[in-house]
Amino acid sequence: MVLNLKKKEPMRMCVACRQMNPKKSMLRVVRTGEREVSADPTGKMPGKGAYICKNAECLAKARKTGSLKRALDTEIPLAVYEDLQKYAT
């Protein structure tokens, strides 16, 4: 008897381009209970999260269309976009 022990990789949707990608290849932005927004490179911070692709095009689109603002239901400070730019390729 052969068992397939390979785990299924979780998928997440980018708020900008709406493409499904593996969770590990995405950036997570989190809104805490105090309505503070920050980048979450580990993906483990508590709070409401939204995912975005690790490329500059999706980051620019999210900023232009306000998709991160809608997904997290709060204003996104400019410092958060600058922080996300460090992780974008």
C-alpha atoms as a PDB file:
ATOM      1  CA  MET A   1       0.000   0.000   0.000  1.00  0.00           C
ATOM      2  CA  VAL A   2       1.451   3.346  -1.086  1.00  0.00           C
ATOM      3  CA  LEU A   3       0.380   6.516   0.694  1.00  0.00           C
ATOM      4  CA  ASN A   4       0.710   9.970  -0.773  1.00  0.00           C
ATOM      5  CA  LEU A   5       2.079  11.979   2.155  1.00  0.00           C
ATOM      6  CA  LYS A   6       2.614  15.170   0.178  1.00  0.00           C
ATOM      7  CA  LYS A   7       0.697  18.020   1.805  1.00  0.00           C
ATOM      8  CA  LYS A   8      -1.458  20.273  -0.300  1.00  0.00           C
ATOM      9  CA  GLU A   9      -0.050  23.804  -0.389  1.00  0.00           C
ATOM     10  CA  PRO A  10      -2.516  26.518   0.690  1.00  0.00           C
ATOM     11  CA  MET A  11      -3.517  29.002  -2.007  1.00  0.00           C
ATOM     12  CA  ARG A  12      -4.386  32.677  -1.542  1.00  0.00           C
ATOM     13  CA  MET A  13      -5.860  35.294  -3.882  1.00  0.00           C
ATOM     14  CA  CYS A  14      -4.018  38.533  -4.621  1.00  0.00           C
ATOM     15  CA  VAL A  15      -6.211  41.551  -3.822  1.00  0.00           C
ATOM     16  CA  ALA A  16      -4.788  43.434  -6.823  1.00  0.00           C
ATOM     17  CA  CYS A  17      -4.657  40.980  -9.748  1.00  0.00           C
ATOM     18  CA  ARG A  18      -7.134  38.407  -8.299  1.00  0.00           C
ATOM     19  CA  GLN A  19      -4.837  35.477  -9.215  1.00  0.00           C
ATOM     20  CA  MET A  20      -4.564  32.437  -6.953  1.00  0.00           C
ATOM     21  CA  ASN A  21      -0.977  31.709  -5.894  1.00  0.00           C
ATOM     22  CA  PRO A  22       0.708  29.583  -3.210  1.00  0.00           C
ATOM     23  CA  LYS A  23       0.608  31.281   0.189  1.00  0.00           C
ATOM     24  CA  LYS A  24       4.408  31.177   0.549  1.00  0.00           C
ATOM     25  CA  SER A  25       4.879  33.230  -2.638  1.00  0.00           C
ATOM     26  CA  MET A  26       2.631  36.096  -1.456  1.00  0.00           C
ATOM     27  CA  LEU A  27       3.045  39.074   0.865  1.00  0.00           C
ATOM     28  CA  ARG A  28       0.583  39.409   3.741  1.00  0.00           C
ATOM     29  CA  VAL A  29      -0.648  42.761   4.990  1.00  0.00           C
ATOM     30  CA  VAL A  30      -2.375  42.666   8.372  1.00  0.00           C
ATOM     31  CA  ARG A  31      -4.773  44.968  10.231  1.00  0.00           C
ATOM     32  CA  THR A  32      -4.598  44.536  13.988  1.00  0.00           C
ATOM     33  CA  GLY A  33      -7.464  44.993  16.425  1.00  0.00           C
ATOM     34  CA  GLU A  34      -6.258  48.551  17.050  1.00  0.00           C
ATOM     35  CA  ARG A  35      -6.755  49.241  13.290  1.00  0.00           C
ATOM     36  CA  GLU A  36      -2.989  49.497  12.722  1.00  0.00           C
ATOM     37  CA  VAL A  37      -1.807  48.225   9.332  1.00  0.00           C
ATOM     38  CA  SER A  38       1.594  46.638   8.722  1.00  0.00           C
ATOM     39  CA  ALA A  39       3.420  44.215   6.450  1.00  0.00           C
ATOM     40  CA  ASP A  40       3.592  40.663   7.808  1.00  0.00           C
ATOM     41  CA  PRO A  41       6.566  38.876   6.216  1.00  0.00           C
ATOM     42  CA  THR A  42       6.147  35.831   8.487  1.00  0.00           C
ATOM     43  CA  GLY A  43       2.416  35.466   7.775  1.00  0.00           C
ATOM     44  CA  LYS A  44       1.704  34.721  11.439  1.00  0.00           C
ATOM     45  CA  MET A  45       0.673  38.051  12.977  1.00  0.00           C
ATOM     46  CA  PRO A  46      -2.806  38.084  14.519  1.00  0.00           C
ATOM     47  CA  GLY A  47      -5.459  40.170  12.806  1.00  0.00           C
ATOM     48  CA  LYS A  48      -7.291  40.468   9.506  1.00  0.00           C
ATOM     49  CA  GLY A  49      -4.966  39.695   6.600  1.00  0.00           C
ATOM     50  CA  ALA A  50      -4.889  40.417   2.896  1.00  0.00           C
ATOM     51  CA  TYR A  51      -2.471  38.924   0.384  1.00  0.00           C
ATOM     52  CA  ILE A  52      -0.669  40.565  -2.519  1.00  0.00           C
ATOM     53  CA  CYS A  53       1.771  39.183  -5.112  1.00  0.00           C
ATOM     54  CA  LYS A  54       5.468  39.881  -4.590  1.00  0.00           C
ATOM     55  CA  ASN A  55       5.823  42.058  -7.687  1.00  0.00           C
ATOM     56  CA  ALA A  56       5.869  45.796  -8.222  1.00  0.00           C
ATOM     57  CA  GLU A  57       3.003  45.715 -10.742  1.00  0.00           C
ATOM     58  CA  CYS A  58       0.510  44.255  -8.263  1.00  0.00           C
ATOM     59  CA  LEU A  59       1.676  46.616  -5.538  1.00  0.00           C
ATOM     60  CA  ALA A  60       1.172  49.625  -7.841  1.00  0.00           C
ATOM     61  CA  LYS A  61      -2.252  48.332  -8.905  1.00  0.00           C
ATOM     62  CA  ALA A  62      -3.332  47.775  -5.284  1.00  0.00           C
ATOM     63  CA  ARG A  63      -2.293  51.309  -4.425  1.00  0.00           C
ATOM     64  CA  LYS A  64      -4.013  52.844  -7.459  1.00  0.00           C
ATOM     65  CA  THR A  65      -7.306  50.954  -7.149  1.00  0.00           C
ATOM     66  CA  GLY A  66      -7.501  50.943  -3.335  1.00  0.00           C
ATOM     67  CA  SER A  67      -7.931  47.170  -3.184  1.00  0.00           C
ATOM     68  CA  LEU A  68      -5.897  46.843   0.042  1.00  0.00           C
ATOM     69  CA  LYS A  69      -7.999  49.575   1.621  1.00  0.00           C
ATOM     70  CA  ARG A  70     -11.191  47.701   0.719  1.00  0.00           C
ATOM     71  CA  ALA A  71      -9.865  44.305   1.799  1.00  0.00           C
ATOM     72  CA  LEU A  72      -8.757  45.549   5.219  1.00  0.00           C
ATOM     73  CA  ASP A  73     -11.550  48.101   5.623  1.00  0.00           C
ATOM     74  CA  THR A  74      -9.195  50.868   6.769  1.00  0.00           C
ATOM     75  CA  GLU A  75      -6.857  53.526   5.364  1.00  0.00           C
ATOM     76  CA  ILE A  76      -3.420  52.233   4.361  1.00  0.00           C
ATOM     77  CA  PRO A  77      -0.571  54.556   5.429  1.00  0.00           C
ATOM     78  CA  LEU A  78       2.069  55.487   2.857  1.00  0.00           C
ATOM     79  CA  ALA A  79       4.721  53.900   5.108  1.00  0.00           C
ATOM     80  CA  VAL A  80       3.078  50.475   4.629  1.00  0.00           C
ATOM     81  CA  TYR A  81       3.340  50.751   0.824  1.00  0.00           C
ATOM     82  CA  GLU A  82       6.997  51.780   1.194  1.00  0.00           C
ATOM     83  CA  ASP A  83       7.602  48.797   3.487  1.00  0.00           C
ATOM     84  CA  LEU A  84       5.920  46.435   0.999  1.00  0.00           C
ATOM     85  CA  GLN A  85       8.134  47.816  -1.781  1.00  0.00           C
ATOM     86  CA  LYS A  86      11.158  46.321   0.042  1.00  0.00           C
ATOM     87  CA  TYR A  87       9.716  42.814  -0.413  1.00  0.00           C
ATOM     88  CA  ALA A  88       8.505  43.302  -4.008  1.00  0.00           C
ATOM     89  CA  THR A  89      10.640  42.008  -6.863  1.00  0.00           C
END
